[in-house]
C-alpha atoms as a PDB file:
ATOM      1  CA  MET A   1     -51.784  81.399  27.240  1.00  0.00           C
ATOM      2  CA  LYS A   2     -48.903  80.301  29.354  1.00  0.00           C
ATOM      3  CA  LEU A   3     -50.695  77.285  30.465  1.00  0.00           C
ATOM      4  CA  LYS A   4     -51.711  76.375  26.928  1.00  0.00           C
ATOM      5  CA  LEU A   5     -48.033  76.584  25.856  1.00  0.00           C
ATOM      6  CA  THR A   6     -47.115  74.270  28.834  1.00  0.00           C
ATOM      7  CA  PHE A   7     -49.563  71.673  27.633  1.00  0.00           C
ATOM      8  CA  ALA A   8     -48.204  71.826  24.154  1.00  0.00           C
ATOM      9  CA  ALA A   9     -44.711  71.429  25.320  1.00  0.00           C
ATOM     10  CA  MET A  10     -45.974  68.385  27.426  1.00  0.00           C
ATOM     11  CA  ALA A  11     -47.746  66.952  24.385  1.00  0.00           C
ATOM     12  CA  ALA A  12     -44.626  67.337  22.124  1.00  0.00           C
ATOM     13  CA  GLY A  13     -42.366  65.732  24.860  1.00  0.00           C
ATOM     14  CA  LEU A  14     -44.924  62.697  25.289  1.00  0.00           C
ATOM     15  CA  ALA A  15     -44.882  62.305  21.477  1.00  0.00           C
ATOM     16  CA  ALA A  16     -41.097  62.315  21.447  1.00  0.00           C
ATOM     17  CA  VAL A  17     -41.225  59.542  24.188  1.00  0.00           C
ATOM     18  CA  ALA A  18     -43.700  57.602  22.308  1.00  0.00           C
ATOM     19  CA  LEU A  19     -41.532  57.716  19.027  1.00  0.00           C
ATOM     20  CA  ALA A  20     -38.270  57.127  20.957  1.00  0.00           C
ATOM     21  CA  PRO A  21     -38.488  53.200  21.293  1.00  0.00           C
ATOM     22  CA  ALA A  22     -39.074  52.761  17.510  1.00  0.00           C
ATOM     23  CA  ALA A  23     -36.088  54.874  16.782  1.00  0.00           C
ATOM     24  CA  SER A  24     -33.620  53.312  19.214  1.00  0.00           C
ATOM     25  CA  ALA A  25     -35.025  49.617  18.846  1.00  0.00           C
ATOM     26  CA  ALA A  26     -32.235  48.715  16.616  1.00  0.00           C
ATOM     27  CA  VAL A  27     -29.718  49.425  19.307  1.00  0.00           C
ATOM     28  CA  ASP A  28     -31.487  48.186  22.276  1.00  0.00           C
ATOM     29  CA  LEU A  29     -30.268  44.795  22.078  1.00  0.00           C
ATOM     30  CA  PRO A  30     -31.076  41.829  24.504  1.00  0.00           C
ATOM     31  CA  CYS A  31     -27.401  41.404  25.480  1.00  0.00           C
ATOM     32  CA  ARG A  32     -24.386  43.369  26.960  1.00  0.00           C
ATOM     33  CA  THR A  33     -21.874  41.333  25.047  1.00  0.00           C
ATOM     34  CA  ALA A  34     -22.208  40.199  21.459  1.00  0.00           C
ATOM     35  CA  ARG A  35     -20.415  37.075  20.214  1.00  0.00           C
ATOM     36  CA  ILE A  36     -18.265  37.104  17.053  1.00  0.00           C
ATOM     37  CA  ILE A  37     -17.994  33.538  16.010  1.00  0.00           C
ATOM     38  CA  VAL A  38     -14.883  32.375  14.403  1.00  0.00           C
ATOM     39  CA  PRO A  39     -15.171  29.041  12.972  1.00  0.00           C
ATOM     40  CA  TRP A  40     -11.569  28.071  13.379  1.00  0.00           C
ATOM     41  CA  GLY A  41      -9.055  27.321  16.323  1.00  0.00           C
ATOM     42  CA  ALA A  42      -7.673  29.978  18.617  1.00  0.00           C
ATOM     43  CA  GLY A  43      -4.384  31.407  17.274  1.00  0.00           C
ATOM     44  CA  GLY A  44      -5.205  31.107  13.579  1.00  0.00           C
ATOM     45  CA  GLU A  45      -5.157  33.994  11.207  1.00  0.00           C
ATOM     46  CA  THR A  46      -9.099  34.440  11.291  1.00  0.00           C
ATOM     47  CA  ASP A  47      -9.036  34.349  15.180  1.00  0.00           C
ATOM     48  CA  ILE A  48      -6.350  37.050  15.367  1.00  0.00           C
ATOM     49  CA  MET A  49      -8.097  39.185  12.816  1.00  0.00           C
ATOM     50  CA  GLY A  50     -11.411  38.936  14.902  1.00  0.00           C
ATOM     51  CA  ARG A  51      -9.695  39.894  18.086  1.00  0.00           C
ATOM     52  CA  LEU A  52      -8.185  42.909  16.354  1.00  0.00           C
ATOM     53  CA  ILE A  53     -11.608  44.004  15.254  1.00  0.00           C
ATOM     54  CA  ALA A  54     -13.222  43.221  18.562  1.00  0.00           C
ATOM     55  CA  GLU A  55     -10.402  45.118  20.575  1.00  0.00           C
ATOM     56  CA  ALA A  56     -10.611  48.190  18.291  1.00  0.00           C
ATOM     57  CA  ALA A  57     -14.486  48.271  18.512  1.00  0.00           C
ATOM     58  CA  ASN A  58     -14.449  47.945  22.308  1.00  0.00           C
ATOM     59  CA  ARG A  59     -11.892  50.600  22.689  1.00  0.00           C
ATOM     60  CA  LEU A  60     -14.050  52.922  20.588  1.00  0.00           C
ATOM     61  CA  GLY A  61     -17.000  52.357  22.781  1.00  0.00           C
ATOM     62  CA  ALA A  62     -18.911  49.426  21.136  1.00  0.00           C
ATOM     63  CA  SER A  63     -22.185  48.922  22.705  1.00  0.00           C
ATOM     64  CA  PRO A  64     -22.711  45.832  23.209  1.00  0.00           C
ATOM     65  CA  ARG A  65     -19.160  44.883  23.653  1.00  0.00           C
ATOM     66  CA  LEU A  66     -17.916  42.369  21.179  1.00  0.00           C
ATOM     67  CA  GLN A  67     -16.130  39.111  22.280  1.00  0.00           C
ATOM     68  CA  VAL A  68     -14.534  36.543  19.924  1.00  0.00           C
ATOM     69  CA  VAL A  69     -15.729  32.897  20.365  1.00  0.00           C
ATOM     70  CA  THR A  70     -13.847  30.227  18.347  1.00  0.00           C
ATOM     71  CA  ILE A  71     -15.820  27.021  17.380  1.00  0.00           C
ATOM     72  CA  SER A  72     -13.284  24.763  15.659  1.00  0.00           C
ATOM     73  CA  GLY A  73     -13.894  21.467  13.827  1.00  0.00           C
ATOM     74  CA  GLN A  74     -14.560  20.096  10.485  1.00  0.00           C
ATOM     75  CA  GLY A  75     -12.475  22.695   8.630  1.00  0.00           C
ATOM     76  CA  GLY A  76     -14.701  25.498   9.761  1.00  0.00           C
ATOM     77  CA  VAL A  77     -18.004  23.758   8.935  1.00  0.00           C
ATOM     78  CA  LYS A  78     -19.006  23.184  12.638  1.00  0.00           C
ATOM     79  CA  GLY A  79     -18.847  26.727  13.579  1.00  0.00           C
ATOM     80  CA  THR A  80     -20.603  27.811  10.351  1.00  0.00           C
ATOM     81  CA  LYS A  81     -23.497  25.326  10.835  1.00  0.00           C
ATOM     82  CA  GLN A  82     -23.771  26.619  14.579  1.00  0.00           C
ATOM     83  CA  PHE A  83     -23.931  30.287  13.545  1.00  0.00           C
ATOM     84  CA  LYS A  84     -26.696  29.628  10.884  1.00  0.00           C
ATOM     85  CA  LYS A  85     -28.896  28.467  13.669  1.00  0.00           C
ATOM     86  CA  ALA A  86     -28.236  31.904  15.725  1.00  0.00           C
ATOM     87  CA  LYS A  87     -31.136  34.254  16.166  1.00  0.00           C
ATOM     88  CA  PRO A  88     -31.120  37.582  14.153  1.00  0.00           C
ATOM     89  CA  ASP A  89     -31.254  39.643  17.313  1.00  0.00           C
ATOM     90  CA  GLY A  90     -27.743  41.348  16.907  1.00  0.00           C
ATOM     91  CA  CYS A  91     -26.066  39.359  19.766  1.00  0.00           C
ATOM     92  CA  THR A  92     -24.306  36.862  17.426  1.00  0.00           C
ATOM     93  CA  LEU A  93     -22.042  37.950  14.573  1.00  0.00           C
ATOM     94  CA  PHE A  94     -19.800  35.836  12.245  1.00  0.00           C
ATOM     95  CA  LEU A  95     -16.395  36.624  10.933  1.00  0.00           C
ATOM     96  CA  THR A  96     -16.347  34.942   7.563  1.00  0.00           C
ATOM     97  CA  PHE A  97     -14.673  34.940   4.216  1.00  0.00           C
ATOM     98  CA  GLN A  98     -14.774  32.774   0.972  1.00  0.00           C
ATOM     99  CA  HIS A  99     -14.621  29.558   2.968  1.00  0.00           C
ATOM    100  CA  ILE A 100     -18.411  29.426   2.817  1.00  0.00           C
ATOM    101  CA  LEU A 101     -18.380  29.590  -0.921  1.00  0.00           C
ATOM    102  CA  ALA A 102     -15.655  26.653  -0.982  1.00  0.00           C
ATOM    103  CA  GLY A 103     -17.783  24.651   1.475  1.00  0.00           C
ATOM    104  CA  ARG A 104     -20.881  24.864  -0.736  1.00  0.00           C
ATOM    105  CA  LEU A 105     -19.104  24.255  -3.975  1.00  0.00           C
ATOM    106  CA  THR A 106     -17.350  21.180  -2.701  1.00  0.00           C
ATOM    107  CA  GLY A 107     -20.587  19.713  -1.086  1.00  0.00           C
ATOM    108  CA  ARG A 108     -19.456  20.115   2.603  1.00  0.00           C
ATOM    109  CA  ILE A 109     -22.400  22.383   3.392  1.00  0.00           C
ATOM    110  CA  ASP A 110     -25.819  22.882   1.701  1.00  0.00           C
ATOM    111  CA  PHE A 111     -25.971  26.640   1.991  1.00  0.00           C
ATOM    112  CA  SER A 112     -24.049  29.743   0.885  1.00  0.00           C
ATOM    113  CA  TRP A 113     -23.306  33.305   1.811  1.00  0.00           C
ATOM    114  CA  ASP A 114     -27.080  34.265   1.030  1.00  0.00           C
ATOM    115  CA  ALA A 115     -28.060  32.372   4.216  1.00  0.00           C
ATOM    116  CA  PHE A 116     -26.630  35.194   6.119  1.00  0.00           C
ATOM    117  CA  THR A 117     -26.859  38.910   6.199  1.00  0.00           C
ATOM    118  CA  PRO A 118     -23.720  40.747   5.114  1.00  0.00           C
ATOM    119  CA  VAL A 119     -22.743  43.798   7.207  1.00  0.00           C
ATOM    120  CA  ALA A 120     -19.115  44.853   6.259  1.00  0.00           C
ATOM    121  CA  ARG A 121     -16.010  43.466   4.765  1.00  0.00           C
ATOM    122  CA  MET A 122     -13.000  44.430   6.886  1.00  0.00           C
ATOM    123  CA  VAL A 123      -9.706  43.074   5.788  1.00  0.00           C
ATOM    124  CA  GLN A 124      -8.017  41.533   2.669  1.00  0.00           C
ATOM    125  CA  THR A 125      -5.163  39.039   3.138  1.00  0.00           C
ATOM    126  CA  ALA A 126      -3.000  37.903   0.230  1.00  0.00           C
ATOM    127  CA  SER A 127      -2.270  34.209  -0.395  1.00  0.00           C
ATOM    128  CA  ILE A 128       1.448  33.267   0.154  1.00  0.00           C
ATOM    129  CA  ILE A 129       2.633  29.846  -0.602  1.00  0.00           C
ATOM    130  CA  GLY A 130       5.211  28.751   2.030  1.00  0.00           C
ATOM    131  CA  ALA A 131       7.351  25.517   2.244  1.00  0.00           C
ATOM    132  CA  GLY A 132       9.170  23.585   4.637  1.00  0.00           C
ATOM    133  CA  THR A 133      12.943  24.034   4.816  1.00  0.00           C
ATOM    134  CA  ALA A 134      13.469  20.594   3.230  1.00  0.00           C
ATOM    135  CA  ALA A 135      11.358  21.296   0.218  1.00  0.00           C
ATOM    136  CA  PRO A 136      13.667  20.827  -2.919  1.00  0.00           C
ATOM    137  CA  PHE A 137      12.553  24.060  -4.634  1.00  0.00           C
ATOM    138  CA  ASN A 138      12.495  27.713  -4.046  1.00  0.00           C
ATOM    139  CA  ASN A 139       9.911  29.244  -6.591  1.00  0.00           C
ATOM    140  CA  TYR A 140       6.977  28.342  -8.598  1.00  0.00           C
ATOM    141  CA  LYS A 141       9.136  27.402 -11.771  1.00  0.00           C
ATOM    142  CA  GLU A 142      11.502  24.970  -9.626  1.00  0.00           C
ATOM    143  CA  MET A 143       8.209  23.588  -7.905  1.00  0.00           C
ATOM    144  CA  GLN A 144       6.604  23.059 -11.139  1.00  0.00           C
ATOM    145  CA  ALA A 145       9.624  21.112 -12.417  1.00  0.00           C
ATOM    146  CA  PHE A 146       9.762  19.044  -9.232  1.00  0.00           C
ATOM    147  CA  ALA A 147       6.129  18.114  -9.573  1.00  0.00           C
ATOM    148  CA  LYS A 148       6.346  17.083 -13.186  1.00  0.00           C
ATOM    149  CA  ALA A 149       9.537  15.250 -12.525  1.00  0.00           C
ATOM    150  CA  ASN A 150       7.918  13.242  -9.589  1.00  0.00           C
ATOM    151  CA  PRO A 151       4.107  12.780 -10.181  1.00  0.00           C
ATOM    152  CA  GLY A 152       2.102  12.511  -7.013  1.00  0.00           C
ATOM    153  CA  LYS A 153       5.014  13.262  -4.744  1.00  0.00           C
ATOM    154  CA  LEU A 154       4.272  16.905  -4.263  1.00  0.00           C
ATOM    155  CA  LEU A 155       2.659  17.083  -0.767  1.00  0.00           C
ATOM    156  CA  ALA A 156       0.315  20.188   0.038  1.00  0.00           C
ATOM    157  CA  GLY A 157      -1.504  21.044   3.262  1.00  0.00           C
ATOM    158  CA  GLY A 158      -4.873  22.649   3.125  1.00  0.00           C
ATOM    159  CA  THR A 159      -8.309  22.496   4.763  1.00  0.00           C
ATOM    160  CA  LEU A 160     -10.740  20.537   2.525  1.00  0.00           C
ATOM    161  CA  GLY A 161     -13.473  22.667   1.159  1.00  0.00           C
ATOM    162  CA  SER A 162     -11.916  25.902   2.346  1.00  0.00           C
ATOM    163  CA  THR A 163     -10.041  28.772   0.842  1.00  0.00           C
ATOM    164  CA  SER A 164      -6.595  27.238   1.589  1.00  0.00           C
ATOM    165  CA  HIS A 165      -7.879  24.200  -0.399  1.00  0.00           C
ATOM    166  CA  PHE A 166      -9.097  26.513  -3.334  1.00  0.00           C
ATOM    167  CA  SER A 167      -5.798  28.449  -3.280  1.00  0.00           C
ATOM    168  CA  LEU A 168      -3.781  25.192  -3.951  1.00  0.00           C
ATOM    169  CA  LEU A 169      -6.293  24.145  -6.719  1.00  0.00           C
ATOM    170  CA  GLN A 170      -5.732  27.572  -8.305  1.00  0.00           C
ATOM    171  CA  VAL A 171      -1.831  27.212  -8.078  1.00  0.00           C
ATOM    172  CA  GLN A 172      -2.033  23.640  -9.365  1.00  0.00           C
ATOM    173  CA  ASP A 173      -4.053  24.859 -12.320  1.00  0.00           C
ATOM    174  CA  ALA A 174      -1.933  27.864 -13.271  1.00  0.00           C
ATOM    175  CA  LEU A 175       1.196  25.656 -13.000  1.00  0.00           C
ATOM    176  CA  GLY A 176      -0.197  22.723 -14.767  1.00  0.00           C
ATOM    177  CA  ILE A 177       0.710  20.150 -12.155  1.00  0.00           C
ATOM    178  CA  ASP A 178      -0.704  17.701  -9.911  1.00  0.00           C
ATOM    179  CA  MET A 179      -0.279  17.684  -6.077  1.00  0.00           C
ATOM    180  CA  LYS A 180      -1.348  15.592  -3.319  1.00  0.00           C
ATOM    181  CA  ILE A 181      -3.481  17.644  -0.909  1.00  0.00           C
ATOM    182  CA  ILE A 182      -3.601  16.716   2.667  1.00  0.00           C
ATOM    183  CA  SER A 183      -6.436  18.210   4.853  1.00  0.00           C
ATOM    184  CA  TYR A 184      -5.749  20.023   8.248  1.00  0.00           C
ATOM    185  CA  ASP A 185      -8.265  21.501  10.496  1.00  0.00           C
ATOM    186  CA  GLY A 186      -7.101  25.165  10.110  1.00  0.00           C
ATOM    187  CA  THR A 187      -3.866  27.174   9.683  1.00  0.00           C
ATOM    188  CA  ALA A 188      -2.215  26.218  12.975  1.00  0.00           C
ATOM    189  CA  ASP A 189      -2.244  22.533  12.248  1.00  0.00           C
ATOM    190  CA  ARG A 190      -1.040  23.089   8.618  1.00  0.00           C
ATOM    191  CA  MET A 191       1.794  25.306   9.932  1.00  0.00           C
ATOM    192  CA  LYS A 192       3.003  22.719  12.325  1.00  0.00           C
ATOM    193  CA  ALA A 193       3.114  20.057   9.450  1.00  0.00           C
ATOM    194  CA  MET A 194       5.030  22.288   7.205  1.00  0.00           C
ATOM    195  CA  LEU A 195       7.471  23.492   9.804  1.00  0.00           C
ATOM    196  CA  ALA A 196       8.144  19.726  10.599  1.00  0.00           C
ATOM    197  CA  ASN A 197       8.564  19.122   6.867  1.00  0.00           C
ATOM    198  CA  THR A 198       5.715  16.500   6.877  1.00  0.00           C
ATOM    199  CA  ILE A 199       4.310  18.301   3.801  1.00  0.00           C
ATOM    200  CA  HIS A 200       6.195  20.387   1.220  1.00  0.00           C
ATOM    201  CA  ILE A 201       3.909  23.304   0.852  1.00  0.00           C
ATOM    202  CA  GLY A 202       0.943  25.234   2.328  1.00  0.00           C
ATOM    203  CA  GLN A 203      -0.712  28.751   2.386  1.00  0.00           C
ATOM    204  CA  VAL A 204       0.556  31.001   5.024  1.00  0.00           C
ATOM    205  CA  SER A 205      -0.100  34.721   5.890  1.00  0.00           C
ATOM    206  CA  GLU A 206       2.345  37.388   5.349  1.00  0.00           C
ATOM    207  CA  ALA A 207       2.860  37.984   8.932  1.00  0.00           C
ATOM    208  CA  THR A 208       3.616  34.142   9.859  1.00  0.00           C
ATOM    209  CA  ALA A 209       5.625  33.817   6.822  1.00  0.00           C
ATOM    210  CA  ALA A 210       7.890  36.743   7.959  1.00  0.00           C
ATOM    211  CA  LYS A 211       8.339  35.399  11.368  1.00  0.00           C
ATOM    212  CA  ASN A 212       9.231  31.993  10.377  1.00  0.00           C
ATOM    213  CA  VAL A 213      11.473  33.002   7.540  1.00  0.00           C
ATOM    214  CA  ALA A 214      13.464  35.184   9.949  1.00  0.00           C
ATOM    215  CA  ALA A 215      13.743  32.245  12.295  1.00  0.00           C
ATOM    216  CA  GLY A 216      14.936  29.919   9.454  1.00  0.00           C
ATOM    217  CA  ARG A 217      12.099  27.620   9.892  1.00  0.00           C
ATOM    218  CA  LEU A 218      10.154  28.280   6.499  1.00  0.00           C
ATOM    219  CA  LYS A 219      10.840  29.596   3.115  1.00  0.00           C
ATOM    220  CA  VAL A 220       8.379  31.184   0.811  1.00  0.00           C
ATOM    221  CA  ILE A 221       7.713  30.280  -2.866  1.00  0.00           C
ATOM    222  CA  ALA A 222       5.490  33.058  -4.144  1.00  0.00           C
ATOM    223  CA  LEU A 223       3.084  35.958  -3.322  1.00  0.00           C
ATOM    224  CA  ASN A 224      -0.259  35.430  -5.238  1.00  0.00           C
ATOM    225  CA  TYR A 225      -1.016  39.314  -5.209  1.00  0.00           C
ATOM    226  CA  LYS A 226      -1.078  42.108  -7.536  1.00  0.00           C
ATOM    227  CA  THR A 227       1.770  43.992  -5.843  1.00  0.00           C
ATOM    228  CA  ARG A 228       4.822  43.085  -3.616  1.00  0.00           C
ATOM    229  CA  SER A 229       4.412  42.775   0.122  1.00  0.00           C
ATOM    230  CA  LYS A 230       5.555  45.659   2.390  1.00  0.00           C
ATOM    231  CA  VAL A 231       6.404  42.968   5.119  1.00  0.00           C
ATOM    232  CA  LEU A 232       8.364  40.729   2.773  1.00  0.00           C
ATOM    233  CA  PRO A 233       9.553  43.230  -0.020  1.00  0.00           C
ATOM    234  CA  ASP A 234      11.971  40.621  -1.471  1.00  0.00           C
ATOM    235  CA  LEU A 235       9.251  38.076  -2.038  1.00  0.00           C
ATOM    236  CA  THR A 236       8.381  38.059  -5.758  1.00  0.00           C
ATOM    237  CA  THR A 237       4.771  37.779  -6.863  1.00  0.00           C
ATOM    238  CA  ALA A 238       3.434  34.978  -9.082  1.00  0.00           C
ATOM    239  CA  ARG A 239       3.026  37.343 -11.807  1.00  0.00           C
ATOM    240  CA  GLU A 240       6.647  38.215 -11.680  1.00  0.00           C
ATOM    241  CA  GLN A 241       7.468  34.546 -11.923  1.00  0.00           C
ATOM    242  CA  GLY A 242       5.341  34.329 -14.949  1.00  0.00           C
ATOM    243  CA  PHE A 243       2.170  32.916 -13.448  1.00  0.00           C
ATOM    244  CA  ASP A 244      -1.121  34.870 -13.490  1.00  0.00           C
ATOM    245  CA  LEU A 245      -2.264  34.384 -10.043  1.00  0.00           C
ATOM    246  CA  ALA A 246      -3.960  36.864  -7.592  1.00  0.00           C
ATOM    247  CA  ILE A 247      -5.497  34.988  -4.618  1.00  0.00           C
ATOM    248  CA  THR A 248      -6.854  36.790  -1.457  1.00  0.00           C
ATOM    249  CA  SER A 249      -8.920  35.909   1.765  1.00  0.00           C
ATOM    250  CA  ASP A 250     -11.456  38.651   2.372  1.00  0.00           C
ATOM    251  CA  ARG A 251     -12.748  38.617   5.997  1.00  0.00           C
ATOM    252  CA  GLY A 252     -15.858  40.396   6.890  1.00  0.00           C
ATOM    253  CA  ILE A 253     -18.600  40.460   9.462  1.00  0.00           C
ATOM    254  CA  VAL A 254     -22.221  39.003   8.783  1.00  0.00           C
ATOM    255  CA  LEU A 255     -25.336  38.552  10.861  1.00  0.00           C
ATOM    256  CA  PRO A 256     -27.681  35.696  10.852  1.00  0.00           C
ATOM    257  CA  GLY A 257     -30.298  35.570   8.011  1.00  0.00           C
ATOM    258  CA  GLY A 258     -33.268  37.692   8.699  1.00  0.00           C
ATOM    259  CA  ALA A 259     -31.333  40.422  10.573  1.00  0.00           C
ATOM    260  CA  SER A 260     -33.139  43.804  10.204  1.00  0.00           C
ATOM    261  CA  ALA A 261     -31.693  46.671   8.007  1.00  0.00           C
ATOM    262  CA  ASP A 262     -31.534  48.773  11.242  1.00  0.00           C
ATOM    263  CA  LEU A 263     -29.181  46.127  12.855  1.00  0.00           C
ATOM    264  CA  VAL A 264     -27.030  46.061   9.622  1.00  0.00           C
ATOM    265  CA  LYS A 265     -26.649  49.764   9.729  1.00  0.00           C
ATOM    266  CA  TYR A 266     -25.851  49.846  13.362  1.00  0.00           C
ATOM    267  CA  TYR A 267     -22.957  47.311  13.110  1.00  0.00           C
ATOM    268  CA  ALA A 268     -21.803  48.573   9.740  1.00  0.00           C
ATOM    269  CA  ASP A 269     -21.548  52.091  11.369  1.00  0.00           C
ATOM    270  CA  MET A 270     -19.579  50.588  14.261  1.00  0.00           C
ATOM    271  CA  LEU A 271     -17.273  48.656  11.967  1.00  0.00           C
ATOM    272  CA  GLU A 272     -16.599  51.701   9.809  1.00  0.00           C
ATOM    273  CA  LYS A 273     -15.175  53.486  12.800  1.00  0.00           C
ATOM    274  CA  VAL A 274     -13.021  50.554  13.412  1.00  0.00           C
ATOM    275  CA  ALA A 275     -11.704  50.543   9.782  1.00  0.00           C
ATOM    276  CA  ASN A 276     -10.958  54.220  10.090  1.00  0.00           C
ATOM    277  CA  ASP A 277      -9.025  53.890  13.408  1.00  0.00           C
ATOM    278  CA  LYS A 278      -5.307  54.386  12.898  1.00  0.00           C
ATOM    279  CA  LYS A 279      -4.230  51.883  15.621  1.00  0.00           C
ATOM    280  CA  TYR A 280      -6.372  49.193  13.947  1.00  0.00           C
ATOM    281  CA  ASN A 281      -5.016  50.017  10.609  1.00  0.00           C
ATOM    282  CA  ASP A 282      -1.325  49.770  12.059  1.00  0.00           C
ATOM    283  CA  SER A 283      -2.122  46.382  13.536  1.00  0.00           C
ATOM    284  CA  ILE A 284      -3.528  44.973  10.364  1.00  0.00           C
ATOM    285  CA  ALA A 285      -0.637  46.394   8.304  1.00  0.00           C
ATOM    286  CA  ALA A 286       1.892  44.766  10.760  1.00  0.00           C
ATOM    287  CA  ARG A 287       0.369  41.461   9.927  1.00  0.00           C
ATOM    288  CA  GLY A 288       0.752  41.987   6.193  1.00  0.00           C
ATOM    289  CA  SER A 289      -2.927  42.452   5.445  1.00  0.00           C
ATOM    290  CA  TYR A 290      -5.036  45.390   4.035  1.00  0.00           C
ATOM    291  CA  VAL A 291      -7.850  47.155   5.375  1.00  0.00           C
ATOM    292  CA  THR A 292     -10.465  47.027   2.577  1.00  0.00           C
ATOM    293  CA  PHE A 293     -13.715  48.173   4.226  1.00  0.00           C
ATOM    294  CA  MET A 294     -16.898  47.766   2.203  1.00  0.00           C
ATOM    295  CA  ARG A 295     -20.545  47.961   3.314  1.00  0.00           C
ATOM    296  CA  GLY A 296     -24.156  47.853   2.111  1.00  0.00           C
ATOM    297  CA  GLU A 297     -24.830  47.010  -1.477  1.00  0.00           C
ATOM    298  CA  GLU A 298     -21.192  47.216  -2.392  1.00  0.00           C
ATOM    299  CA  TYR A 299     -20.433  44.357   0.063  1.00  0.00           C
ATOM    300  CA  LEU A 300     -23.601  42.379  -1.196  1.00  0.00           C
ATOM    301  CA  ASN A 301     -22.473  42.645  -4.708  1.00  0.00           C
ATOM    302  CA  TRP A 302     -19.015  41.516  -3.820  1.00  0.00           C
ATOM    303  CA  TRP A 303     -20.535  38.365  -2.435  1.00  0.00           C
ATOM    304  CA  ARG A 304     -22.624  37.789  -5.481  1.00  0.00           C
ATOM    305  CA  GLU A 305     -19.692  38.411  -7.991  1.00  0.00           C
ATOM    306  CA  THR A 306     -17.213  36.272  -6.025  1.00  0.00           C
ATOM    307  CA  ASP A 307     -19.679  33.526  -5.613  1.00  0.00           C
ATOM    308  CA  THR A 308     -20.084  33.342  -9.496  1.00  0.00           C
ATOM    309  CA  GLU A 309     -16.366  33.388  -9.977  1.00  0.00           C
ATOM    310  CA  TRP A 310     -15.563  30.763  -7.582  1.00  0.00           C
ATOM    311  CA  GLU A 311     -18.332  28.542  -9.101  1.00  0.00           C
ATOM    312  CA  GLY A 312     -16.645  28.786 -12.387  1.00  0.00           C
ATOM    313  CA  ILE A 313     -13.380  27.755 -10.778  1.00  0.00           C
ATOM    314  CA  ALA A 314     -14.734  24.908  -9.153  1.00  0.00           C
ATOM    315  CA  LYS A 315     -16.347  23.690 -12.231  1.00  0.00           C
ATOM    316  CA  ARG A 316     -13.216  24.127 -14.362  1.00  0.00           C
ATOM    317  CA  LEU A 317     -10.988  22.178 -11.862  1.00  0.00           C
ATOM    318  CA  GLY A 318     -13.541  19.345 -11.480  1.00  0.00           C
ATOM    319  CA  VAL A 319     -14.241  19.707  -7.735  1.00  0.00           C
ATOM    320  CA  TYR A 320     -17.774  21.200  -7.935  1.00  0.00           C
ATOM    321  CA  ARG A 321     -20.247  19.347  -5.791  1.00  0.00           C
ATOM    322  CA  GLY A 322     -22.760  22.022  -5.287  1.00  0.00           C
ATOM    323  CA  SER A 323     -26.510  22.059  -6.088  1.00  0.00           C
END
């Protein structure tokens, strides 16, 4: 009887071993380090957000470890196209936001968010319109008056086909003005132009605005968000100034198209731990952004709804070049 029990136990153990590879296949990745591709230059807001995510994940025991890799060029298009070619094996991730939608809608890329596999939305950053110190206006109403009195003279910096471009178009539409939009390859280059007073205005983050306003190198025109900033509490919102604008960049992690449901769950679980980590939350809040974690079907639906909304904006403003 004892021998039979031993055989039974051995059989059960062998069955468990046989089943183990299938159960753990999702986390048995062919890499010790997974790349998070950021399609912008080092030092920009998306790069910083990616590094905060990777640092928190690694500190919390991420396996594989996460490493941010920047692939800048063509206003985010170069890195986006390279990521699209990545294998869906869990070794390459992508930190993205609405720039994919803007790229498709303006004809810069011929694919959209559904070419990838959404994992989790991580952080929301409100749009702020900053201005060089030489700009002859201090708020939206003064900027509106300047633009109408000086047709074609209002110079704005954005990245063609990206969210900074779309933000300017939305501001232009809400204020009923025209502006000359000059394209820069990412936040860092746009900031340099604004601080040098080469352009009048551009989109900035709350953290960047706070640092440069305190140094007397920049002024802020309006916050395009539903509530005031905790970093810049004296900055009035667009709505307080009489303009119905709420514009955000919503950064999240996606995997290549074709990634398995097990991989999505594995990384979503990892990133949810990050989103609940106090140190990570404090770092995001210090930059004037908001942790807005979203996963699964909710994140998928967010992409669908935002895509529909942005296509409507592109068609209304006459910049739609999508298929």
